[in-house]
Amino acid sequence: TGDGLTWAEQAAASGPLNEVTRIGQYRFLHPDGTVHLMTYSAGVNGFLPVSDMIPTPHPLEPWHLQQIEFAERQKAEAAAAAEGDDQA
């Protein structure tokens, strides 16, 4: 095609229940010329794509984790205080 789209997929049944697993890939060109390649498998574990184009979160820094833990403690303390108010 004009955008360089190629696609291939294979499927096979396996296991005691003949679960179908598909593996495949597709490739196309973005308007800026960047090649997009996605490989995937799909089966009992769902759709599992693999590509450099999939956004991934940045690793959390230690201070991020400390803030999350602090917020969780505050929520737990507020819930405990609210439970104490309900019993009074």
N, C-alpha and C. Protein backbone atom coordinates (compact mmCIF):
# COMPACT_ATOMS: atom_id res chain seq x y z
N THR A 1 0.84 -1.20 0.00
CA THR A 1 0.00 0.00 0.00
C THR A 1 0.87 1.24 0.00
N GLY A 2 0.27 2.39 -0.16
CA GLY A 2 1.01 3.64 -0.24
C GLY A 2 1.73 4.01 1.04
N ASP A 3 1.21 3.54 2.19
CA ASP A 3 1.86 3.86 3.45
C ASP A 3 2.81 2.76 3.91
N GLY A 4 3.10 1.80 3.03
CA GLY A 4 4.04 0.75 3.37
C GLY A 4 3.48 -0.30 4.30
N LEU A 5 2.15 -0.40 4.41
CA LEU A 5 1.53 -1.35 5.33
C LEU A 5 1.79 -2.78 4.89
N THR A 6 2.32 -3.56 5.82
CA THR A 6 2.42 -5.01 5.64
C THR A 6 1.89 -5.65 6.91
N TRP A 7 1.32 -6.81 6.76
CA TRP A 7 0.70 -7.48 7.90
C TRP A 7 0.80 -8.97 7.69
N ALA A 8 1.10 -9.71 8.74
CA ALA A 8 1.16 -11.16 8.68
C ALA A 8 0.70 -11.72 10.01
N GLU A 9 0.00 -12.84 9.95
CA GLU A 9 -0.50 -13.46 11.18
C GLU A 9 -0.60 -14.96 10.98
N GLN A 10 -0.33 -15.70 12.05
CA GLN A 10 -0.49 -17.15 12.06
C GLN A 10 -1.30 -17.50 13.29
N ALA A 11 -2.07 -18.58 13.20
CA ALA A 11 -2.86 -19.04 14.33
C ALA A 11 -2.71 -20.54 14.46
N ALA A 12 -2.73 -21.00 15.70
CA ALA A 12 -2.65 -22.44 15.95
C ALA A 12 -3.42 -22.75 17.23
N ALA A 13 -4.06 -23.90 17.25
CA ALA A 13 -4.76 -24.37 18.44
C ALA A 13 -3.84 -25.31 19.20
N SER A 14 -3.86 -25.18 20.53
CA SER A 14 -3.02 -26.05 21.34
C SER A 14 -3.65 -26.21 22.72
N GLY A 15 -3.10 -27.10 23.49
CA GLY A 15 -3.57 -27.33 24.84
C GLY A 15 -4.77 -28.26 24.87
N PRO A 16 -5.17 -28.67 26.07
CA PRO A 16 -6.27 -29.63 26.20
C PRO A 16 -7.61 -29.08 25.71
N LEU A 17 -7.77 -27.76 25.71
CA LEU A 17 -9.03 -27.16 25.26
C LEU A 17 -8.92 -26.57 23.86
N ASN A 18 -7.82 -26.86 23.17
CA ASN A 18 -7.58 -26.32 21.83
C ASN A 18 -7.69 -24.80 21.77
N GLU A 19 -7.08 -24.13 22.76
CA GLU A 19 -7.07 -22.67 22.76
C GLU A 19 -6.30 -22.18 21.54
N VAL A 20 -6.84 -21.16 20.91
CA VAL A 20 -6.20 -20.60 19.72
C VAL A 20 -5.25 -19.48 20.13
N THR A 21 -4.03 -19.56 19.68
CA THR A 21 -3.05 -18.50 19.88
C THR A 21 -2.68 -17.95 18.51
N ARG A 22 -2.66 -16.64 18.42
CA ARG A 22 -2.28 -15.97 17.18
C ARG A 22 -0.98 -15.21 17.43
N ILE A 23 -0.09 -15.26 16.48
CA ILE A 23 1.10 -14.42 16.52
C ILE A 23 1.17 -13.69 15.19
N GLY A 24 1.64 -12.47 15.25
CA GLY A 24 1.70 -11.72 14.01
C GLY A 24 2.48 -10.44 14.16
N GLN A 25 2.46 -9.69 13.09
CA GLN A 25 3.11 -8.38 13.09
C GLN A 25 2.50 -7.52 12.00
N TYR A 26 2.58 -6.23 12.22
CA TYR A 26 2.25 -5.31 11.14
C TYR A 26 3.27 -4.19 11.14
N ARG A 27 3.40 -3.56 10.00
CA ARG A 27 4.41 -2.51 9.81
C ARG A 27 3.82 -1.48 8.86
N PHE A 28 4.07 -0.21 9.18
CA PHE A 28 3.68 0.86 8.26
C PHE A 28 4.59 2.05 8.47
N LEU A 29 4.51 3.00 7.56
CA LEU A 29 5.32 4.22 7.64
C LEU A 29 4.44 5.38 8.11
N HIS A 30 4.92 6.10 9.11
CA HIS A 30 4.26 7.33 9.53
C HIS A 30 4.54 8.40 8.47
N PRO A 31 3.73 9.47 8.44
CA PRO A 31 3.96 10.53 7.45
C PRO A 31 5.37 11.12 7.48
N ASP A 32 6.02 11.09 8.67
CA ASP A 32 7.38 11.64 8.75
C ASP A 32 8.44 10.64 8.32
N GLY A 33 8.02 9.44 7.88
CA GLY A 33 8.96 8.42 7.42
C GLY A 33 9.37 7.43 8.49
N THR A 34 8.95 7.64 9.73
CA THR A 34 9.26 6.71 10.81
C THR A 34 8.56 5.37 10.56
N VAL A 35 9.31 4.28 10.71
CA VAL A 35 8.74 2.95 10.54
C VAL A 35 8.10 2.52 11.86
N HIS A 36 6.87 2.08 11.78
CA HIS A 36 6.15 1.55 12.94
C HIS A 36 6.07 0.04 12.77
N LEU A 37 6.67 -0.70 13.68
CA LEU A 37 6.62 -2.16 13.65
C LEU A 37 6.01 -2.64 14.96
N MET A 38 4.98 -3.44 14.87
CA MET A 38 4.33 -4.01 16.04
C MET A 38 4.28 -5.52 15.86
N THR A 39 4.83 -6.26 16.82
CA THR A 39 4.65 -7.70 16.84
C THR A 39 3.71 -8.00 17.99
N TYR A 40 3.02 -9.12 17.92
CA TYR A 40 2.05 -9.41 18.98
C TYR A 40 1.77 -10.91 19.05
N SER A 41 1.23 -11.28 20.19
CA SER A 41 0.61 -12.59 20.35
C SER A 41 -0.74 -12.33 20.99
N ALA A 42 -1.67 -13.21 20.72
CA ALA A 42 -3.01 -13.07 21.28
C ALA A 42 -3.54 -14.47 21.56
N GLY A 43 -4.03 -14.65 22.77
CA GLY A 43 -4.54 -15.96 23.14
C GLY A 43 -5.19 -15.89 24.51
N VAL A 44 -5.01 -16.94 25.29
CA VAL A 44 -5.66 -17.00 26.60
C VAL A 44 -5.19 -15.89 27.53
N ASN A 45 -4.02 -15.33 27.29
CA ASN A 45 -3.51 -14.23 28.12
C ASN A 45 -3.84 -12.87 27.55
N GLY A 46 -4.68 -12.82 26.52
CA GLY A 46 -5.07 -11.54 25.93
C GLY A 46 -4.14 -11.14 24.80
N PHE A 47 -4.25 -9.88 24.41
CA PHE A 47 -3.45 -9.31 23.33
C PHE A 47 -2.18 -8.75 23.94
N LEU A 48 -1.02 -9.22 23.49
CA LEU A 48 0.26 -8.82 24.05
C LEU A 48 1.12 -8.18 22.96
N PRO A 49 1.04 -6.86 22.80
CA PRO A 49 1.82 -6.19 21.77
C PRO A 49 3.25 -5.91 22.22
N VAL A 50 4.16 -5.86 21.28
CA VAL A 50 5.56 -5.50 21.54
C VAL A 50 5.98 -4.52 20.45
N SER A 51 6.42 -3.32 20.86
CA SER A 51 6.87 -2.32 19.90
C SER A 51 7.61 -1.21 20.62
N ASP A 52 8.60 -0.65 19.94
CA ASP A 52 9.27 0.53 20.48
C ASP A 52 8.35 1.74 20.47
N MET A 53 7.25 1.67 19.74
CA MET A 53 6.33 2.80 19.62
C MET A 53 5.31 2.85 20.75
N ILE A 54 5.23 1.80 21.59
CA ILE A 54 4.27 1.80 22.69
C ILE A 54 4.83 2.68 23.80
N PRO A 55 4.06 3.66 24.25
CA PRO A 55 4.55 4.51 25.34
C PRO A 55 4.74 3.68 26.61
N THR A 56 5.81 3.95 27.31
CA THR A 56 6.06 3.28 28.58
C THR A 56 6.31 4.34 29.64
N PRO A 57 5.86 4.09 30.86
CA PRO A 57 6.07 5.09 31.91
C PRO A 57 7.54 5.18 32.29
N HIS A 58 7.91 6.35 32.75
CA HIS A 58 9.27 6.53 33.25
C HIS A 58 9.41 5.76 34.56
N PRO A 59 10.61 5.29 34.87
CA PRO A 59 10.81 4.62 36.16
C PRO A 59 10.54 5.60 37.30
N LEU A 60 9.99 5.08 38.38
CA LEU A 60 9.72 5.93 39.54
C LEU A 60 11.00 6.16 40.33
N GLU A 61 11.20 7.39 40.71
CA GLU A 61 12.33 7.76 41.56
C GLU A 61 11.97 7.43 43.01
N PRO A 62 12.96 7.27 43.89
CA PRO A 62 12.67 6.97 45.29
C PRO A 62 11.71 7.97 45.93
N TRP A 63 11.83 9.26 45.59
CA TRP A 63 10.94 10.24 46.22
C TRP A 63 9.51 10.07 45.73
N HIS A 64 9.31 9.56 44.51
CA HIS A 64 7.95 9.25 44.06
C HIS A 64 7.33 8.20 44.97
N LEU A 65 8.09 7.14 45.22
CA LEU A 65 7.59 6.05 46.05
C LEU A 65 7.31 6.53 47.46
N GLN A 66 8.16 7.42 47.98
CA GLN A 66 7.92 7.96 49.32
C GLN A 66 6.63 8.76 49.36
N GLN A 67 6.35 9.53 48.32
CA GLN A 67 5.11 10.31 48.27
C GLN A 67 3.89 9.39 48.19
N ILE A 68 3.99 8.32 47.43
CA ILE A 68 2.89 7.37 47.34
C ILE A 68 2.64 6.71 48.69
N GLU A 69 3.70 6.29 49.36
CA GLU A 69 3.57 5.67 50.68
C GLU A 69 2.97 6.66 51.68
N PHE A 70 3.40 7.92 51.63
CA PHE A 70 2.87 8.95 52.52
C PHE A 70 1.37 9.12 52.29
N ALA A 71 0.96 9.19 51.04
CA ALA A 71 -0.46 9.35 50.71
C ALA A 71 -1.27 8.15 51.19
N GLU A 72 -0.73 6.95 51.04
CA GLU A 72 -1.43 5.74 51.50
C GLU A 72 -1.59 5.76 53.02
N ARG A 73 -0.55 6.21 53.74
CA ARG A 73 -0.65 6.31 55.20
C ARG A 73 -1.73 7.32 55.60
N GLN A 74 -1.76 8.46 54.90
CA GLN A 74 -2.77 9.47 55.21
C GLN A 74 -4.18 8.93 54.96
N LYS A 75 -4.38 8.21 53.87
CA LYS A 75 -5.70 7.63 53.60
C LYS A 75 -6.09 6.63 54.67
N ALA A 76 -5.14 5.79 55.10
CA ALA A 76 -5.43 4.80 56.13
C ALA A 76 -5.76 5.47 57.45
N GLU A 77 -5.02 6.53 57.80
CA GLU A 77 -5.29 7.25 59.04
C GLU A 77 -6.66 7.93 58.99
N ALA A 78 -7.01 8.51 57.86
CA ALA A 78 -8.31 9.17 57.72
C ALA A 78 -9.44 8.14 57.81
N ALA A 79 -9.25 6.97 57.21
CA ALA A 79 -10.27 5.92 57.28
C ALA A 79 -10.43 5.43 58.70
N ALA A 80 -9.31 5.26 59.42
CA ALA A 80 -9.38 4.81 60.81
C ALA A 80 -10.06 5.86 61.68
N ALA A 81 -9.78 7.13 61.44
CA ALA A 81 -10.41 8.21 62.21
C ALA A 81 -11.91 8.25 61.93
N ALA A 82 -12.30 8.08 60.67
CA ALA A 82 -13.72 8.10 60.31
C ALA A 82 -14.44 6.91 60.94
N GLU A 83 -13.79 5.76 60.99
CA GLU A 83 -14.38 4.59 61.62
C GLU A 83 -14.56 4.82 63.11
N GLY A 84 -13.59 5.48 63.73
CA GLY A 84 -13.69 5.81 65.16
C GLY A 84 -14.83 6.78 65.42
N ASP A 85 -15.05 7.74 64.53
CA ASP A 85 -16.15 8.70 64.67
C ASP A 85 -17.49 7.99 64.56
N ASP A 86 -17.58 6.97 63.70
CA ASP A 86 -18.83 6.24 63.52
C ASP A 86 -19.19 5.43 64.76
N GLN A 87 -18.19 5.00 65.51
CA GLN A 87 -18.44 4.17 66.69
C GLN A 87 -18.74 5.01 67.92
N ALA A 88 -18.48 6.30 67.86
CA ALA A 88 -18.69 7.17 69.03
C ALA A 88 -20.13 7.57 69.17
